[in-house]
Amino acid sequence: MVFVYTTCVDKNEAETLGKLIIDKKLGACVDYWPINSMYNWKGALRHLSQVMLSIATFENHLEDVNDLISKHHSYSVPMIAGVDVRRINRAYREWMMAEVV
């Protein structure tokens, strides 16, 4: 199992991306929550509110999830990060295997 994280401009974008991922069966579950971010962009320090999107999926879907986010994201350079999960309970894994094609 892998969690894929990306930051979104707002809740609507997170929901849109999440729905695309679920509808295409590239992820079993998406979670999203508000965050505050700080970073340099084109020489200026930026402080802003964003929404973090977390996608529960499998390693073999990473590239497809990456492509979908890249195609539909509003940012020109979205952060798309995959984090390996070392352990997961059997019941959740079985449910995921039925949901992710």
PDB file of N, CA and C in Angstrom:
ATOM      1  N   MET A   1       0.842  -1.174   0.000  1.00  0.00           N
ATOM      2  CA  MET A   1       0.000   0.000   0.000  1.00  0.00           C
ATOM      3  C   MET A   1       0.890   1.240   0.000  1.00  0.00           C
ATOM      4  N   VAL A   2       0.391   2.275  -0.642  1.00  0.00           N
ATOM      5  CA  VAL A   2       1.105   3.546  -0.748  1.00  0.00           C
ATOM      6  C   VAL A   2       0.113   4.669  -0.478  1.00  0.00           C
ATOM      7  N   PHE A   3       0.562   5.700   0.247  1.00  0.00           N
ATOM      8  CA  PHE A   3      -0.194   6.939   0.345  1.00  0.00           C
ATOM      9  C   PHE A   3       0.425   7.915  -0.638  1.00  0.00           C
ATOM     10  N   VAL A   4      -0.402   8.544  -1.450  1.00  0.00           N
ATOM     11  CA  VAL A   4       0.052   9.604  -2.339  1.00  0.00           C
ATOM     12  C   VAL A   4      -0.500  10.906  -1.776  1.00  0.00           C
ATOM     13  N   TYR A   5       0.382  11.881  -1.613  1.00  0.00           N
ATOM     14  CA  TYR A   5       0.002  13.185  -1.081  1.00  0.00           C
ATOM     15  C   TYR A   5       0.192  14.259  -2.144  1.00  0.00           C
ATOM     16  N   THR A   6      -0.758  15.192  -2.172  1.00  0.00           N
ATOM     17  CA  THR A   6      -0.608  16.388  -2.983  1.00  0.00           C
ATOM     18  C   THR A   6      -1.332  17.527  -2.287  1.00  0.00           C
ATOM     19  N   THR A   7      -0.830  18.734  -2.449  1.00  0.00           N
ATOM     20  CA  THR A   7      -1.517  19.898  -1.916  1.00  0.00           C
ATOM     21  C   THR A   7      -2.399  20.495  -3.001  1.00  0.00           C
ATOM     22  N   CYS A   8      -3.568  20.960  -2.595  1.00  0.00           N
ATOM     23  CA  CYS A   8      -4.540  21.525  -3.527  1.00  0.00           C
ATOM     24  C   CYS A   8      -4.832  22.969  -3.147  1.00  0.00           C
ATOM     25  N   VAL A   9      -5.271  23.732  -4.122  1.00  0.00           N
ATOM     26  CA  VAL A   9      -5.554  25.144  -3.897  1.00  0.00           C
ATOM     27  C   VAL A   9      -6.715  25.329  -2.922  1.00  0.00           C
ATOM     28  N   ASP A  10      -7.699  24.414  -2.954  1.00  0.00           N
ATOM     29  CA  ASP A  10      -8.848  24.526  -2.055  1.00  0.00           C
ATOM     30  C   ASP A  10      -9.575  23.177  -1.969  1.00  0.00           C
ATOM     31  N   LYS A  11     -10.641  23.161  -1.156  1.00  0.00           N
ATOM     32  CA  LYS A  11     -11.429  21.944  -0.943  1.00  0.00           C
ATOM     33  C   LYS A  11     -12.056  21.441  -2.244  1.00  0.00           C
ATOM     34  N   ASN A  12     -12.519  22.351  -3.084  1.00  0.00           N
ATOM     35  CA  ASN A  12     -13.150  21.935  -4.345  1.00  0.00           C
ATOM     36  C   ASN A  12     -12.175  21.171  -5.227  1.00  0.00           C
ATOM     37  N   GLU A  13     -10.931  21.654  -5.322  1.00  0.00           N
ATOM     38  CA  GLU A  13      -9.950  20.952  -6.133  1.00  0.00           C
ATOM     39  C   GLU A  13      -9.638  19.581  -5.539  1.00  0.00           C
ATOM     40  N   ALA A  14      -9.501  19.509  -4.224  1.00  0.00           N
ATOM     41  CA  ALA A  14      -9.237  18.223  -3.564  1.00  0.00           C
ATOM     42  C   ALA A  14     -10.374  17.241  -3.833  1.00  0.00           C
ATOM     43  N   GLU A  15     -11.609  17.717  -3.733  1.00  0.00           N
ATOM     44  CA  GLU A  15     -12.758  16.847  -3.986  1.00  0.00           C
ATOM     45  C   GLU A  15     -12.828  16.412  -5.444  1.00  0.00           C
ATOM     46  N   THR A  16     -12.535  17.319  -6.357  1.00  0.00           N
ATOM     47  CA  THR A  16     -12.548  16.984  -7.789  1.00  0.00           C
ATOM     48  C   THR A  16     -11.505  15.919  -8.101  1.00  0.00           C
ATOM     49  N   LEU A  17     -10.271  16.135  -7.634  1.00  0.00           N
ATOM     50  CA  LEU A  17      -9.211  15.149  -7.868  1.00  0.00           C
ATOM     51  C   LEU A  17      -9.547  13.821  -7.196  1.00  0.00           C
ATOM     52  N   GLY A  18     -10.027  13.894  -5.965  1.00  0.00           N
ATOM     53  CA  GLY A  18     -10.386  12.679  -5.242  1.00  0.00           C
ATOM     54  C   GLY A  18     -11.457  11.881  -5.951  1.00  0.00           C
ATOM     55  N   LYS A  19     -12.489  12.556  -6.440  1.00  0.00           N
ATOM     56  CA  LYS A  19     -13.569  11.863  -7.141  1.00  0.00           C
ATOM     57  C   LYS A  19     -13.059  11.206  -8.420  1.00  0.00           C
ATOM     58  N   LEU A  20     -12.199  11.894  -9.160  1.00  0.00           N
ATOM     59  CA  LEU A  20     -11.618  11.290 -10.364  1.00  0.00           C
ATOM     60  C   LEU A  20     -10.848  10.017 -10.025  1.00  0.00           C
ATOM     61  N   ILE A  21     -10.079  10.064  -8.958  1.00  0.00           N
ATOM     62  CA  ILE A  21      -9.271   8.912  -8.545  1.00  0.00           C
ATOM     63  C   ILE A  21     -10.161   7.743  -8.126  1.00  0.00           C
ATOM     64  N   ILE A  22     -11.195   8.026  -7.328  1.00  0.00           N
ATOM     65  CA  ILE A  22     -12.114   6.968  -6.894  1.00  0.00           C
ATOM     66  C   ILE A  22     -12.900   6.422  -8.087  1.00  0.00           C
ATOM     67  N   ASP A  23     -13.431   7.309  -8.937  1.00  0.00           N
ATOM     68  CA  ASP A  23     -14.219   6.869 -10.096  1.00  0.00           C
ATOM     69  C   ASP A  23     -13.407   5.989 -11.037  1.00  0.00           C
ATOM     70  N   LYS A  24     -12.114   6.290 -11.184  1.00  0.00           N
ATOM     71  CA  LYS A  24     -11.257   5.506 -12.078  1.00  0.00           C
ATOM     72  C   LYS A  24     -10.642   4.293 -11.376  1.00  0.00           C
ATOM     73  N   LYS A  25     -11.014   4.107 -10.104  1.00  0.00           N
ATOM     74  CA  LYS A  25     -10.544   2.969  -9.298  1.00  0.00           C
ATOM     75  C   LYS A  25      -9.024   2.921  -9.192  1.00  0.00           C
ATOM     76  N   LEU A  26      -8.416   4.113  -9.105  1.00  0.00           N
ATOM     77  CA  LEU A  26      -6.969   4.214  -8.915  1.00  0.00           C
ATOM     78  C   LEU A  26      -6.607   4.307  -7.440  1.00  0.00           C
ATOM     79  N   GLY A  27      -7.582   4.568  -6.598  1.00  0.00           N
ATOM     80  CA  GLY A  27      -7.370   4.636  -5.164  1.00  0.00           C
ATOM     81  C   GLY A  27      -8.601   4.122  -4.452  1.00  0.00           C
ATOM     82  N   ALA A  28      -8.400   3.594  -3.247  1.00  0.00           N
ATOM     83  CA  ALA A  28      -9.518   3.056  -2.484  1.00  0.00           C
ATOM     84  C   ALA A  28     -10.196   4.136  -1.648  1.00  0.00           C
ATOM     85  N   CYS A  29      -9.413   5.092  -1.177  1.00  0.00           N
ATOM     86  CA  CYS A  29      -9.929   6.110  -0.267  1.00  0.00           C
ATOM     87  C   CYS A  29      -9.105   7.383  -0.452  1.00  0.00           C
ATOM     88  N   VAL A  30      -9.761   8.516  -0.375  1.00  0.00           N
ATOM     89  CA  VAL A  30      -9.060   9.797  -0.358  1.00  0.00           C
ATOM     90  C   VAL A  30      -9.489  10.556   0.892  1.00  0.00           C
ATOM     91  N   ASP A  31      -8.533  11.203   1.513  1.00  0.00           N
ATOM     92  CA  ASP A  31      -8.790  12.058   2.669  1.00  0.00           C
ATOM     93  C   ASP A  31      -8.259  13.436   2.338  1.00  0.00           C
ATOM     94  N   TYR A  32      -8.879  14.463   2.887  1.00  0.00           N
ATOM     95  CA  TYR A  32      -8.374  15.815   2.665  1.00  0.00           C
ATOM     96  C   TYR A  32      -8.679  16.669   3.881  1.00  0.00           C
ATOM     97  N   TRP A  33      -7.756  17.595   4.137  1.00  0.00           N
ATOM     98  CA  TRP A  33      -7.880  18.466   5.298  1.00  0.00           C
ATOM     99  C   TRP A  33      -7.133  19.765   5.037  1.00  0.00           C
ATOM    100  N   PRO A  34      -7.564  20.851   5.717  1.00  0.00           N
ATOM    101  CA  PRO A  34      -6.908  22.149   5.514  1.00  0.00           C
ATOM    102  C   PRO A  34      -5.521  22.180   6.159  1.00  0.00           C
ATOM    103  N   ILE A  35      -4.608  22.883   5.504  1.00  0.00           N
ATOM    104  CA  ILE A  35      -3.253  23.073   6.030  1.00  0.00           C
ATOM    105  C   ILE A  35      -2.813  24.502   5.751  1.00  0.00           C
ATOM    106  N   ASN A  36      -1.779  24.922   6.435  1.00  0.00           N
ATOM    107  CA  ASN A  36      -1.122  26.203   6.149  1.00  0.00           C
ATOM    108  C   ASN A  36       0.254  25.886   5.604  1.00  0.00           C
ATOM    109  N   SER A  37       0.658  26.580   4.567  1.00  0.00           N
ATOM    110  CA  SER A  37       1.931  26.308   3.902  1.00  0.00           C
ATOM    111  C   SER A  37       2.773  27.570   3.798  1.00  0.00           C
ATOM    112  N   MET A  38       4.088  27.354   3.746  1.00  0.00           N
ATOM    113  CA  MET A  38       5.038  28.440   3.540  1.00  0.00           C
ATOM    114  C   MET A  38       6.135  27.903   2.624  1.00  0.00           C
ATOM    115  N   TYR A  39       6.457  28.661   1.567  1.00  0.00           N
ATOM    116  CA  TYR A  39       7.499  28.246   0.632  1.00  0.00           C
ATOM    117  C   TYR A  39       7.929  29.433  -0.215  1.00  0.00           C
ATOM    118  N   ASN A  40       9.082  29.292  -0.839  1.00  0.00           N
ATOM    119  CA  ASN A  40       9.553  30.294  -1.787  1.00  0.00           C
ATOM    120  C   ASN A  40       9.037  29.950  -3.178  1.00  0.00           C
ATOM    121  N   TRP A  41       8.518  30.928  -3.879  1.00  0.00           N
ATOM    122  CA  TRP A  41       8.071  30.735  -5.254  1.00  0.00           C
ATOM    123  C   TRP A  41       8.470  31.961  -6.053  1.00  0.00           C
ATOM    124  N   LYS A  42       9.331  31.737  -7.031  1.00  0.00           N
ATOM    125  CA  LYS A  42       9.820  32.799  -7.910  1.00  0.00           C
ATOM    126  C   LYS A  42      10.410  33.960  -7.105  1.00  0.00           C
ATOM    127  N   GLY A  43      11.207  33.602  -6.094  1.00  0.00           N
ATOM    128  CA  GLY A  43      11.937  34.594  -5.321  1.00  0.00           C
ATOM    129  C   GLY A  43      11.179  35.255  -4.189  1.00  0.00           C
ATOM    130  N   ALA A  44       9.937  34.861  -3.970  1.00  0.00           N
ATOM    131  CA  ALA A  44       9.142  35.484  -2.911  1.00  0.00           C
ATOM    132  C   ALA A  44       8.647  34.422  -1.932  1.00  0.00           C
ATOM    133  N   LEU A  45       8.701  34.752  -0.653  1.00  0.00           N
ATOM    134  CA  LEU A  45       8.174  33.867   0.372  1.00  0.00           C
ATOM    135  C   LEU A  45       6.658  33.941   0.361  1.00  0.00           C
ATOM    136  N   ARG A  46       6.024  32.776   0.274  1.00  0.00           N
ATOM    137  CA  ARG A  46       4.559  32.717   0.227  1.00  0.00           C
ATOM    138  C   ARG A  46       4.033  32.014   1.472  1.00  0.00           C
ATOM    139  N   HIS A  47       2.968  32.561   2.047  1.00  0.00           N
ATOM    140  CA  HIS A  47       2.217  31.958   3.142  1.00  0.00           C
ATOM    141  C   HIS A  47       0.787  31.819   2.636  1.00  0.00           C
ATOM    142  N   LEU A  48       0.243  30.612   2.653  1.00  0.00           N
ATOM    143  CA  LEU A  48      -1.124  30.469   2.201  1.00  0.00           C
ATOM    144  C   LEU A  48      -1.790  29.249   2.800  1.00  0.00           C
ATOM    145  N   SER A  49      -3.095  29.231   2.710  1.00  0.00           N
ATOM    146  CA  SER A  49      -3.890  28.080   3.120  1.00  0.00           C
ATOM    147  C   SER A  49      -4.103  27.197   1.900  1.00  0.00           C
ATOM    148  N   GLN A  50      -3.966  25.897   2.105  1.00  0.00           N
ATOM    149  CA  GLN A  50      -4.187  24.916   1.045  1.00  0.00           C
ATOM    150  C   GLN A  50      -4.979  23.755   1.644  1.00  0.00           C
ATOM    151  N   VAL A  51      -5.219  22.750   0.842  1.00  0.00           N
ATOM    152  CA  VAL A  51      -5.854  21.522   1.310  1.00  0.00           C
ATOM    153  C   VAL A  51      -4.947  20.368   0.921  1.00  0.00           C
ATOM    154  N   MET A  52      -4.609  19.517   1.902  1.00  0.00           N
ATOM    155  CA  MET A  52      -3.794  18.328   1.641  1.00  0.00           C
ATOM    156  C   MET A  52      -4.719  17.195   1.221  1.00  0.00           C
ATOM    157  N   LEU A  53      -4.349  16.512   0.167  1.00  0.00           N
ATOM    158  CA  LEU A  53      -5.099  15.360  -0.329  1.00  0.00           C
ATOM    159  C   LEU A  53      -4.225  14.130  -0.163  1.00  0.00           C
ATOM    160  N   SER A  54      -4.767  13.102   0.478  1.00  0.00           N
ATOM    161  CA  SER A  54      -4.072  11.835   0.689  1.00  0.00           C
ATOM    162  C   SER A  54      -4.868  10.734  -0.004  1.00  0.00           C
ATOM    163  N   ILE A  55      -4.182   9.919  -0.796  1.00  0.00           N
ATOM    164  CA  ILE A  55      -4.816   8.860  -1.577  1.00  0.00           C
ATOM    165  C   ILE A  55      -4.230   7.523  -1.158  1.00  0.00           C
ATOM    166  N   ALA A  56      -5.076   6.587  -0.748  1.00  0.00           N
ATOM    167  CA  ALA A  56      -4.631   5.232  -0.428  1.00  0.00           C
ATOM    168  C   ALA A  56      -4.722   4.398  -1.695  1.00  0.00           C
ATOM    169  N   THR A  57      -3.571   3.875  -2.133  1.00  0.00           N
ATOM    170  CA  THR A  57      -3.532   3.107  -3.379  1.00  0.00           C
ATOM    171  C   THR A  57      -2.442   2.047  -3.286  1.00  0.00           C
ATOM    172  N   PHE A  58      -2.178   1.398  -4.401  1.00  0.00           N
ATOM    173  CA  PHE A  58      -1.121   0.390  -4.479  1.00  0.00           C
ATOM    174  C   PHE A  58       0.001   0.896  -5.378  1.00  0.00           C
ATOM    175  N   GLU A  59       1.181   0.370  -5.158  1.00  0.00           N
ATOM    176  CA  GLU A  59       2.400   0.776  -5.876  1.00  0.00           C
ATOM    177  C   GLU A  59       2.201   0.766  -7.393  1.00  0.00           C
ATOM    178  N   ASN A  60       1.501  -0.228  -7.911  1.00  0.00           N
ATOM    179  CA  ASN A  60       1.353  -0.339  -9.365  1.00  0.00           C
ATOM    180  C   ASN A  60       0.463   0.753  -9.967  1.00  0.00           C
ATOM    181  N   HIS A  61      -0.190   1.562  -9.130  1.00  0.00           N
ATOM    182  CA  HIS A  61      -1.024   2.658  -9.631  1.00  0.00           C
ATOM    183  C   HIS A  61      -0.372   4.036  -9.471  1.00  0.00           C
ATOM    184  N   LEU A  62       0.837   4.071  -8.938  1.00  0.00           N
ATOM    185  CA  LEU A  62       1.490   5.360  -8.682  1.00  0.00           C
ATOM    186  C   LEU A  62       1.599   6.225  -9.931  1.00  0.00           C
ATOM    187  N   GLU A  63       2.033   5.658 -11.021  1.00  0.00           N
ATOM    188  CA  GLU A  63       2.221   6.455 -12.238  1.00  0.00           C
ATOM    189  C   GLU A  63       0.898   6.968 -12.782  1.00  0.00           C
ATOM    190  N   ASP A  64      -0.146   6.146 -12.730  1.00  0.00           N
ATOM    191  CA  ASP A  64      -1.459   6.590 -13.203  1.00  0.00           C
ATOM    192  C   ASP A  64      -2.023   7.698 -12.314  1.00  0.00           C
ATOM    193  N   VAL A  65      -1.849   7.570 -10.993  1.00  0.00           N
ATOM    194  CA  VAL A  65      -2.291   8.622 -10.074  1.00  0.00           C
ATOM    195  C   VAL A  65      -1.507   9.903 -10.347  1.00  0.00           C
ATOM    196  N   ASN A  66      -0.196   9.777 -10.517  1.00  0.00           N
ATOM    197  CA  ASN A  66       0.647  10.926 -10.830  1.00  0.00           C
ATOM    198  C   ASN A  66       0.173  11.610 -12.112  1.00  0.00           C
ATOM    199  N   ASP A  67      -0.097  10.832 -13.145  1.00  0.00           N
ATOM    200  CA  ASP A  67      -0.548  11.399 -14.422  1.00  0.00           C
ATOM    201  C   ASP A  67      -1.888  12.112 -14.277  1.00  0.00           C
ATOM    202  N   LEU A  68      -2.823  11.500 -13.546  1.00  0.00           N
ATOM    203  CA  LEU A  68      -4.136  12.102 -13.363  1.00  0.00           C
ATOM    204  C   LEU A  68      -4.021  13.421 -12.610  1.00  0.00           C
ATOM    205  N   ILE A  69      -3.256  13.432 -11.511  1.00  0.00           N
ATOM    206  CA  ILE A  69      -3.086  14.670 -10.749  1.00  0.00           C
ATOM    207  C   ILE A  69      -2.421  15.735 -11.620  1.00  0.00           C
ATOM    208  N   SER A  70      -1.363  15.371 -12.312  1.00  0.00           N
ATOM    209  CA  SER A  70      -0.652  16.331 -13.163  1.00  0.00           C
ATOM    210  C   SER A  70      -1.567  16.940 -14.226  1.00  0.00           C
ATOM    211  N   LYS A  71      -2.429  16.140 -14.791  1.00  0.00           N
ATOM    212  CA  LYS A  71      -3.321  16.596 -15.860  1.00  0.00           C
ATOM    213  C   LYS A  71      -4.418  17.531 -15.345  1.00  0.00           C
ATOM    214  N   HIS A  72      -4.923  17.285 -14.140  1.00  0.00           N
ATOM    215  CA  HIS A  72      -6.100  18.015 -13.650  1.00  0.00           C
ATOM    216  C   HIS A  72      -5.802  19.027 -12.546  1.00  0.00           C
ATOM    217  N   HIS A  73      -4.562  19.133 -12.126  1.00  0.00           N
ATOM    218  CA  HIS A  73      -4.208  20.032 -11.023  1.00  0.00           C
ATOM    219  C   HIS A  73      -4.095  21.472 -11.506  1.00  0.00           C
ATOM    220  N   SER A  74      -4.450  22.418 -10.646  1.00  0.00           N
ATOM    221  CA  SER A  74      -4.376  23.830 -11.035  1.00  0.00           C
ATOM    222  C   SER A  74      -2.956  24.394 -10.922  1.00  0.00           C
ATOM    223  N   TYR A  75      -2.086  23.760 -10.142  1.00  0.00           N
ATOM    224  CA  TYR A  75      -0.720  24.258  -9.994  1.00  0.00           C
ATOM    225  C   TYR A  75       0.137  23.827 -11.180  1.00  0.00           C
ATOM    226  N   SER A  76       1.038  24.681 -11.603  1.00  0.00           N
ATOM    227  CA  SER A  76       1.951  24.316 -12.686  1.00  0.00           C
ATOM    228  C   SER A  76       2.992  23.300 -12.206  1.00  0.00           C
ATOM    229  N   VAL A  77       3.302  23.319 -10.915  1.00  0.00           N
ATOM    230  CA  VAL A  77       4.267  22.377 -10.337  1.00  0.00           C
ATOM    231  C   VAL A  77       3.671  21.796  -9.045  1.00  0.00           C
ATOM    232  N   PRO A  78       2.715  20.874  -9.153  1.00  0.00           N
ATOM    233  CA  PRO A  78       2.150  20.299  -7.935  1.00  0.00           C
ATOM    234  C   PRO A  78       3.130  19.328  -7.270  1.00  0.00           C
ATOM    235  N   MET A  79       3.091  19.289  -5.937  1.00  0.00           N
ATOM    236  CA  MET A  79       3.846  18.279  -5.198  1.00  0.00           C
ATOM    237  C   MET A  79       3.028  16.996  -5.237  1.00  0.00           C
ATOM    238  N   ILE A  80       3.645  15.920  -5.723  1.00  0.00           N
ATOM    239  CA  ILE A  80       2.996  14.604  -5.741  1.00  0.00           C
ATOM    240  C   ILE A  80       3.996  13.642  -5.126  1.00  0.00           C
ATOM    241  N   ALA A  81       3.707  13.167  -3.911  1.00  0.00           N
ATOM    242  CA  ALA A  81       4.664  12.343  -3.178  1.00  0.00           C
ATOM    243  C   ALA A  81       4.024  11.019  -2.774  1.00  0.00           C
ATOM    244  N   GLY A  82       4.739   9.932  -3.022  1.00  0.00           N
ATOM    245  CA  GLY A  82       4.294   8.609  -2.611  1.00  0.00           C
ATOM    246  C   GLY A  82       5.063   8.164  -1.381  1.00  0.00           C
ATOM    247  N   VAL A  83       4.328   7.643  -0.394  1.00  0.00           N
ATOM    248  CA  VAL A  83       4.933   7.168   0.853  1.00  0.00           C
ATOM    249  C   VAL A  83       4.522   5.707   1.047  1.00  0.00           C
ATOM    250  N   ASP A  84       5.518   4.822   1.125  1.00  0.00           N
ATOM    251  CA  ASP A  84       5.239   3.403   1.338  1.00  0.00           C
ATOM    252  C   ASP A  84       4.696   3.157   2.742  1.00  0.00           C
ATOM    253  N   VAL A  85       3.698   2.306   2.818  1.00  0.00           N
ATOM    254  CA  VAL A  85       3.137   1.885   4.097  1.00  0.00           C
ATOM    255  C   VAL A  85       3.643   0.472   4.357  1.00  0.00           C
ATOM    256  N   ARG A  86       4.291   0.287   5.484  1.00  0.00           N
ATOM    257  CA  ARG A  86       4.904  -1.009   5.772  1.00  0.00           C
ATOM    258  C   ARG A  86       3.907  -2.044   6.255  1.00  0.00           C
ATOM    259  N   ARG A  87       2.919  -1.628   6.982  1.00  0.00           N
ATOM    260  CA  ARG A  87       1.935  -2.573   7.511  1.00  0.00           C
ATOM    261  C   ARG A  87       0.522  -2.024   7.340  1.00  0.00           C
ATOM    262  N   ILE A  88      -0.394  -2.944   7.107  1.00  0.00           N
ATOM    263  CA  ILE A  88      -1.806  -2.594   7.004  1.00  0.00           C
ATOM    264  C   ILE A  88      -2.610  -3.806   7.473  1.00  0.00           C
ATOM    265  N   ASN A  89      -3.703  -3.559   8.164  1.00  0.00           N
ATOM    266  CA  ASN A  89      -4.499  -4.688   8.645  1.00  0.00           C
ATOM    267  C   ASN A  89      -5.155  -5.429   7.476  1.00  0.00           C
ATOM    268  N   ARG A  90      -5.328  -6.711   7.665  1.00  0.00           N
ATOM    269  CA  ARG A  90      -5.809  -7.603   6.603  1.00  0.00           C
ATOM    270  C   ARG A  90      -7.169  -7.177   6.053  1.00  0.00           C
ATOM    271  N   ALA A  91      -8.110  -6.832   6.930  1.00  0.00           N
ATOM    272  CA  ALA A  91      -9.460  -6.482   6.477  1.00  0.00           C
ATOM    273  C   ALA A  91      -9.430  -5.244   5.566  1.00  0.00           C
ATOM    274  N   TYR A  92      -8.633  -4.247   5.940  1.00  0.00           N
ATOM    275  CA  TYR A  92      -8.548  -3.034   5.110  1.00  0.00           C
ATOM    276  C   TYR A  92      -7.895  -3.359   3.774  1.00  0.00           C
ATOM    277  N   ARG A  93      -6.827  -4.164   3.799  1.00  0.00           N
ATOM    278  CA  ARG A  93      -6.148  -4.539   2.553  1.00  0.00           C
ATOM    279  C   ARG A  93      -7.094  -5.295   1.615  1.00  0.00           C
ATOM    280  N   GLU A  94      -7.875  -6.204   2.177  1.00  0.00           N
ATOM    281  CA  GLU A  94      -8.828  -6.964   1.353  1.00  0.00           C
ATOM    282  C   GLU A  94      -9.871  -6.032   0.744  1.00  0.00           C
ATOM    283  N   TRP A  95     -10.349  -5.067   1.532  1.00  0.00           N
ATOM    284  CA  TRP A  95     -11.307  -4.098   1.011  1.00  0.00           C
ATOM    285  C   TRP A  95     -10.667  -3.277  -0.110  1.00  0.00           C
ATOM    286  N   MET A  96      -9.421  -2.819   0.106  1.00  0.00           N
ATOM    287  CA  MET A  96      -8.727  -2.049  -0.923  1.00  0.00           C
ATOM    288  C   MET A  96      -8.577  -2.842  -2.210  1.00  0.00           C
ATOM    289  N   MET A  97      -8.236  -4.105  -2.092  1.00  0.00           N
ATOM    290  CA  MET A  97      -8.026  -4.940  -3.283  1.00  0.00           C
ATOM    291  C   MET A  97      -9.320  -5.063  -4.086  1.00  0.00           C
ATOM    292  N   ALA A  98     -10.471  -4.987  -3.418  1.00  0.00           N
ATOM    293  CA  ALA A  98     -11.741  -5.058  -4.136  1.00  0.00           C
ATOM    294  C   ALA A  98     -12.099  -3.719  -4.791  1.00  0.00           C
ATOM    295  N   GLU A  99     -11.579  -2.619  -4.251  1.00  0.00           N
ATOM    296  CA  GLU A  99     -11.930  -1.287  -4.731  1.00  0.00           C
ATOM    297  C   GLU A  99     -10.976  -0.742  -5.801  1.00  0.00           C
ATOM    298  N   VAL A 100      -9.724  -1.131  -5.760  1.00  0.00           N
ATOM    299  CA  VAL A 100      -8.719  -0.606  -6.682  1.00  0.00           C
ATOM    300  C   VAL A 100      -8.456  -1.643  -7.760  1.00  0.00           C
ATOM    301  N   VAL A 101      -8.705  -1.246  -8.986  1.00  0.00           N
ATOM    302  CA  VAL A 101      -8.557  -2.203 -10.108  1.00  0.00           C
ATOM    303  C   VAL A 101      -7.176  -2.074 -10.724  1.00  0.00           C
TER     304      VAL A 101
END
